[in-house]
N, C-alpha and C. Protein backbone atom coordinates (compact mmCIF):
# COMPACT_ATOMS: atom_id res chain seq x y z
N MET A 1 8.81 -0.58 -27.14
CA MET A 1 7.96 0.33 -26.49
C MET A 1 6.82 -0.86 -26.26
N LYS A 2 6.34 0.57 -25.03
CA LYS A 2 5.23 -0.31 -24.28
C LYS A 2 4.03 0.46 -24.16
N LEU A 3 2.86 -0.15 -24.00
CA LEU A 3 1.57 0.81 -24.33
C LEU A 3 1.17 1.14 -22.81
N VAL A 4 0.91 2.50 -23.08
CA VAL A 4 0.59 3.01 -21.20
C VAL A 4 -0.62 3.37 -21.09
N HIS A 5 -1.68 3.87 -22.25
CA HIS A 5 -2.90 5.01 -22.18
C HIS A 5 -3.37 4.27 -23.31
N THR A 6 -4.11 3.89 -23.25
CA THR A 6 -5.41 4.28 -24.14
C THR A 6 -6.33 5.29 -24.37
N ALA A 7 -6.73 6.19 -25.35
CA ALA A 7 -7.29 7.53 -25.70
C ALA A 7 -8.57 6.96 -26.14
N LYS A 8 -10.08 7.97 -25.59
CA LYS A 8 -10.77 8.30 -26.77
C LYS A 8 -10.62 8.94 -28.02
N HIS A 9 -9.29 9.98 -28.02
CA HIS A 9 -9.32 10.77 -29.41
C HIS A 9 -7.83 11.21 -29.22
N ALA A 10 -7.42 11.67 -30.23
CA ALA A 10 -5.89 12.69 -30.12
C ALA A 10 -5.48 13.16 -29.07
N ALA A 11 -6.80 14.28 -29.37
CA ALA A 11 -6.32 15.37 -28.42
C ALA A 11 -6.07 14.42 -26.53
N GLU A 12 -6.79 13.95 -26.25
CA GLU A 12 -6.37 12.92 -25.27
C GLU A 12 -5.24 12.28 -24.88
N ALA A 13 -4.94 11.67 -25.94
CA ALA A 13 -3.54 11.18 -26.33
C ALA A 13 -2.00 11.97 -26.16
N HIS A 14 -2.68 13.17 -26.81
CA HIS A 14 -1.50 14.16 -26.58
C HIS A 14 -1.58 15.05 -25.30
N LEU A 15 -2.49 14.90 -24.87
CA LEU A 15 -2.15 15.59 -23.54
C LEU A 15 -1.44 14.42 -22.10
N ILE A 16 -1.75 13.87 -22.57
CA ILE A 16 -1.09 12.49 -21.60
C ILE A 16 0.28 12.45 -21.97
N LYS A 17 0.43 12.44 -23.48
CA LYS A 17 2.12 12.51 -24.40
C LYS A 17 2.59 13.43 -23.65
N GLY A 18 2.29 14.62 -23.41
CA GLY A 18 2.82 15.52 -23.00
C GLY A 18 3.17 15.80 -21.49
N PHE A 19 2.24 15.55 -20.70
CA PHE A 19 2.10 15.21 -19.57
C PHE A 19 3.62 13.98 -18.71
N LEU A 20 3.46 13.19 -19.19
CA LEU A 20 4.22 11.97 -19.58
C LEU A 20 5.90 12.79 -19.45
N GLU A 21 6.13 13.24 -20.72
CA GLU A 21 7.15 13.72 -21.40
C GLU A 21 7.64 15.07 -20.22
N SER A 22 6.89 15.50 -20.07
CA SER A 22 7.19 16.60 -18.69
C SER A 22 7.60 16.44 -17.34
N GLN A 23 7.68 15.08 -17.12
CA GLN A 23 8.43 14.55 -15.95
C GLN A 23 9.05 13.28 -16.18
N GLY A 24 9.94 13.66 -17.64
CA GLY A 24 10.76 13.13 -18.43
C GLY A 24 10.98 11.35 -18.81
N ILE A 25 9.41 11.52 -19.04
CA ILE A 25 9.75 10.02 -20.04
C ILE A 25 8.94 10.50 -21.42
N GLU A 26 9.89 9.92 -22.40
CA GLU A 26 9.67 9.56 -23.77
C GLU A 26 8.40 8.76 -24.04
N ALA A 27 7.37 10.09 -24.84
CA ALA A 27 6.28 8.75 -24.69
C ALA A 27 5.96 9.47 -26.88
N GLY A 28 4.94 8.61 -27.58
CA GLY A 28 4.33 8.77 -28.26
C GLY A 28 3.03 8.74 -28.94
N VAL A 29 2.16 8.92 -29.47
CA VAL A 29 0.80 8.82 -29.68
C VAL A 29 1.12 8.30 -31.31
N ARG A 30 0.37 6.78 -30.95
CA ARG A 30 0.10 5.66 -32.71
C ARG A 30 -1.75 5.56 -32.60
N GLY A 31 -1.69 5.95 -33.92
CA GLY A 31 -3.54 5.76 -34.27
C GLY A 31 -3.80 6.98 -34.12
N GLU A 32 -3.46 8.13 -33.58
CA GLU A 32 -4.43 9.17 -33.80
C GLU A 32 -4.67 9.79 -35.35
N TYR A 33 -4.38 9.31 -36.25
CA TYR A 33 -4.74 9.21 -37.74
C TYR A 33 -5.93 8.65 -38.03
N LEU A 34 -6.31 7.83 -37.47
CA LEU A 34 -7.02 6.40 -38.08
C LEU A 34 -8.34 6.56 -37.35
N THR A 35 -8.47 7.51 -35.87
CA THR A 35 -9.42 7.18 -35.36
C THR A 35 -10.70 8.69 -36.15
N SER A 36 -10.30 9.65 -37.54
CA SER A 36 -11.26 10.10 -37.59
C SER A 36 -12.07 9.57 -38.78
N GLY A 37 -11.59 8.41 -38.95
CA GLY A 37 -12.48 7.41 -39.84
C GLY A 37 -13.27 6.45 -39.62
N TRP A 38 -13.19 6.37 -38.27
CA TRP A 38 -14.36 5.51 -37.52
C TRP A 38 -15.75 6.20 -36.89
N GLY A 39 -15.43 7.65 -37.03
CA GLY A 39 -16.70 8.57 -36.89
C GLY A 39 -16.85 8.31 -35.30
N GLU A 40 -18.18 7.85 -35.29
CA GLU A 40 -18.49 8.27 -33.61
C GLU A 40 -18.64 6.44 -33.23
N LEU A 41 -18.11 5.98 -33.97
CA LEU A 41 -17.92 4.72 -33.58
C LEU A 41 -17.06 4.31 -31.92
N PRO A 42 -18.13 3.78 -31.21
CA PRO A 42 -16.32 3.53 -29.82
C PRO A 42 -15.57 2.21 -30.09
N VAL A 43 -14.57 2.69 -31.19
CA VAL A 43 -13.62 1.93 -31.32
C VAL A 43 -12.31 3.01 -30.64
N ASP A 44 -11.51 1.87 -29.69
CA ASP A 44 -9.71 2.73 -29.03
C ASP A 44 -8.81 2.17 -30.18
N LEU A 45 -8.52 3.33 -31.05
CA LEU A 45 -7.49 3.31 -31.78
C LEU A 45 -5.99 4.27 -31.26
N CYS A 46 -6.29 5.20 -30.72
CA CYS A 46 -5.71 5.98 -30.32
C CYS A 46 -4.82 5.81 -28.99
N SER A 47 -3.55 5.19 -28.80
CA SER A 47 -3.19 5.53 -27.56
C SER A 47 -1.76 5.85 -27.73
N VAL A 48 -1.00 6.34 -26.10
CA VAL A 48 0.14 6.64 -25.62
C VAL A 48 1.24 5.45 -25.23
N TRP A 49 2.89 5.27 -25.87
CA TRP A 49 3.65 4.18 -25.49
C TRP A 49 4.28 5.07 -25.11
N ILE A 50 5.19 4.33 -24.21
CA ILE A 50 6.30 5.17 -24.32
C ILE A 50 7.82 4.58 -24.28
N ALA A 51 8.49 4.71 -24.54
CA ALA A 51 9.81 4.23 -25.44
C ALA A 51 10.51 3.72 -24.28
N ASP A 52 10.60 3.90 -23.52
CA ASP A 52 11.72 2.95 -22.18
C ASP A 52 11.06 1.90 -21.46
N ASP A 53 10.77 0.71 -22.17
CA ASP A 53 9.89 -0.50 -21.13
C ASP A 53 10.55 -0.24 -19.68
N ALA A 54 11.42 0.59 -19.08
CA ALA A 54 12.28 0.16 -17.48
C ALA A 54 10.89 1.37 -17.00
N GLN A 55 10.53 2.28 -17.51
CA GLN A 55 9.92 3.45 -16.89
C GLN A 55 8.41 3.88 -16.94
N PHE A 56 7.78 1.92 -17.00
CA PHE A 56 6.07 1.88 -17.35
C PHE A 56 5.53 1.81 -16.04
N GLU A 57 6.24 1.41 -14.95
CA GLU A 57 5.62 1.49 -13.62
C GLU A 57 5.75 2.67 -12.53
N ARG A 58 6.64 3.30 -13.59
CA ARG A 58 6.38 5.17 -13.18
C ARG A 58 5.83 5.91 -14.21
N ALA A 59 5.99 5.54 -15.52
CA ALA A 59 5.18 5.98 -16.27
C ALA A 59 3.32 5.59 -15.54
N ASN A 60 2.99 4.64 -15.22
CA ASN A 60 1.39 4.19 -14.86
C ASN A 60 1.29 4.73 -13.60
N GLU A 61 2.16 4.60 -12.65
CA GLU A 61 1.51 5.73 -11.41
C GLU A 61 1.69 7.27 -11.59
N LEU A 62 2.63 7.49 -12.12
CA LEU A 62 2.21 9.07 -13.06
C LEU A 62 1.06 9.68 -13.35
N LEU A 63 0.29 8.43 -14.06
CA LEU A 63 -0.61 8.68 -15.51
C LEU A 63 -1.71 8.80 -14.31
N ILE A 64 -2.00 7.64 -13.56
CA ILE A 64 -3.35 7.39 -12.43
C ILE A 64 -3.49 8.55 -11.48
N ALA A 65 -2.02 9.19 -10.99
CA ALA A 65 -2.08 10.10 -10.41
C ALA A 65 -2.69 11.20 -11.19
N PHE A 66 -2.50 11.48 -12.18
CA PHE A 66 -2.81 12.73 -12.91
C PHE A 66 -4.26 12.23 -13.85
N LEU A 67 -5.05 11.27 -13.60
CA LEU A 67 -6.01 11.24 -14.14
C LEU A 67 -6.73 11.37 -12.73
N LYS A 68 -6.23 11.48 -11.65
CA LYS A 68 -7.22 11.05 -10.68
C LYS A 68 -7.12 12.70 -10.02
N GLY A 69 -6.35 13.07 -10.59
CA GLY A 69 -6.37 14.86 -10.17
C GLY A 69 -5.26 15.05 -9.39
N THR A 70 -4.80 13.68 -7.87
CA THR A 70 -3.43 14.28 -6.81
C THR A 70 -2.65 14.70 -7.52
N PHE A 71 -2.01 14.74 -8.33
CA PHE A 71 -0.81 14.96 -9.10
C PHE A 71 -0.79 16.38 -9.19
N ALA A 72 -2.23 17.33 -9.67
CA ALA A 72 -2.17 18.43 -9.75
C ALA A 72 -2.30 18.99 -8.38
N ARG A 73 -2.92 18.35 -7.43
CA ARG A 73 -3.48 18.79 -6.06
C ARG A 73 -2.49 18.83 -5.03
N GLN A 74 -1.19 17.53 -5.18
CA GLN A 74 -0.10 18.17 -4.48
C GLN A 74 0.87 19.36 -4.95
N PHE A 75 0.42 20.07 -6.10
CA PHE A 75 1.15 21.94 -5.55
C PHE A 75 0.07 23.00 -5.43
N SER A 76 -1.10 22.70 -4.91
CA SER A 76 -2.14 23.57 -4.98
C SER A 76 -1.76 24.43 -4.04
N GLY A 77 -1.27 24.06 -2.88
CA GLY A 77 -0.51 25.64 -1.84
C GLY A 77 0.58 26.20 -2.04
N GLU A 78 0.84 26.34 -3.65
CA GLU A 78 2.48 26.57 -4.25
C GLU A 78 2.10 27.82 -4.83
N ARG A 79 1.66 28.88 -4.56
CA ARG A 79 1.29 29.61 -5.46
C ARG A 79 2.49 30.50 -5.67
N TRP A 80 2.50 31.09 -6.72
CA TRP A 80 3.67 31.90 -7.60
C TRP A 80 3.02 32.93 -8.35
N THR A 81 3.75 33.86 -8.62
CA THR A 81 3.96 35.17 -9.76
C THR A 81 4.85 34.83 -11.24
N CYS A 82 4.53 35.37 -12.00
CA CYS A 82 4.84 35.45 -12.98
C CYS A 82 5.77 36.60 -13.42
N PRO A 83 7.35 35.80 -12.95
CA PRO A 83 8.49 37.01 -13.31
C PRO A 83 8.50 38.01 -14.26
N HIS A 84 8.06 37.69 -15.48
CA HIS A 84 7.59 38.32 -16.72
C HIS A 84 6.00 39.28 -17.01
N CYS A 85 4.88 39.04 -16.59
CA CYS A 85 3.86 39.74 -16.26
C CYS A 85 2.94 40.30 -15.02
N GLY A 86 4.20 39.28 -14.15
CA GLY A 86 3.23 39.85 -12.62
C GLY A 86 2.01 39.03 -12.51
N GLU A 87 1.51 38.37 -13.43
CA GLU A 87 0.16 37.54 -13.01
C GLU A 87 0.20 36.29 -11.85
N LYS A 88 -0.43 36.45 -11.10
CA LYS A 88 -0.60 35.01 -9.90
C LYS A 88 -0.59 34.09 -10.21
N LEU A 89 -0.42 33.16 -9.97
CA LEU A 89 -0.93 31.62 -10.36
C LEU A 89 -0.99 31.02 -9.42
N GLU A 90 -1.75 29.26 -9.47
CA GLU A 90 -1.73 28.38 -8.50
C GLU A 90 -0.54 27.76 -8.98
N GLY A 91 -0.14 26.82 -7.63
CA GLY A 91 1.14 25.75 -7.65
C GLY A 91 1.11 24.81 -8.85
N GLN A 92 -0.31 24.44 -9.15
CA GLN A 92 -0.39 22.97 -10.45
C GLN A 92 0.13 23.79 -11.87
N PHE A 93 0.26 25.32 -12.01
CA PHE A 93 0.86 25.71 -13.32
C PHE A 93 2.21 25.57 -13.58
N THR A 94 2.83 24.99 -14.40
CA THR A 94 4.06 25.29 -14.64
C THR A 94 4.56 26.02 -15.47
N ALA A 95 3.70 26.62 -16.38
CA ALA A 95 4.09 28.19 -16.77
C ALA A 95 2.91 29.10 -16.92
N CYS A 96 2.83 30.14 -16.60
CA CYS A 96 2.14 31.21 -16.92
C CYS A 96 0.73 31.11 -17.99
N TRP A 97 0.07 31.16 -17.91
CA TRP A 97 -1.73 31.17 -18.43
C TRP A 97 -1.41 32.39 -19.63
N GLN A 98 -1.18 33.92 -18.71
CA GLN A 98 -1.02 34.76 -19.23
C GLN A 98 0.03 34.80 -20.44
N CYS A 99 1.46 34.44 -20.15
CA CYS A 99 2.34 35.40 -21.54
C CYS A 99 3.15 34.02 -21.71
N GLY A 100 3.15 32.49 -21.17
CA GLY A 100 3.54 31.76 -21.40
C GLY A 100 5.27 31.76 -20.54
N THR A 101 5.56 32.33 -20.00
CA THR A 101 6.76 32.20 -19.16
C THR A 101 6.45 30.66 -18.65
N ALA A 102 7.93 30.27 -18.52
CA ALA A 102 8.12 28.76 -17.93
C ALA A 102 7.95 28.94 -16.48
N ARG A 103 7.84 28.68 -15.44
CA ARG A 103 7.53 29.18 -13.89
C ARG A 103 8.48 28.76 -13.48
N PRO A 104 9.81 30.03 -12.69
CA PRO A 104 10.91 29.90 -12.60
C PRO A 104 11.48 28.56 -11.33
N GLY A 105 12.24 27.64 -11.10
CA GLY A 105 12.92 26.76 -10.72
C GLY A 105 12.30 26.06 -10.13
């Protein structure tokens, strides 16, 4: 396992983990339960690790694009309509925010 990101809190770590897993990179969160014990002290205990060290470069590039917002912007022109409820969504969404249906193919 290799450290790919140190988060400010557990919610951020799980967001990063979920993003990496959506891109096919197995990831895990460590230290999420330790952060509550420190209160407001600036201590970086919560981190995201990837399972396969060979995927580190790809994970790091994806993470940089995700945090800068460039990853989401690449889909901005690809609007789609939810096949279940008819909601119109912007391209960066992979599931309908209204009903939760996954974006088709």
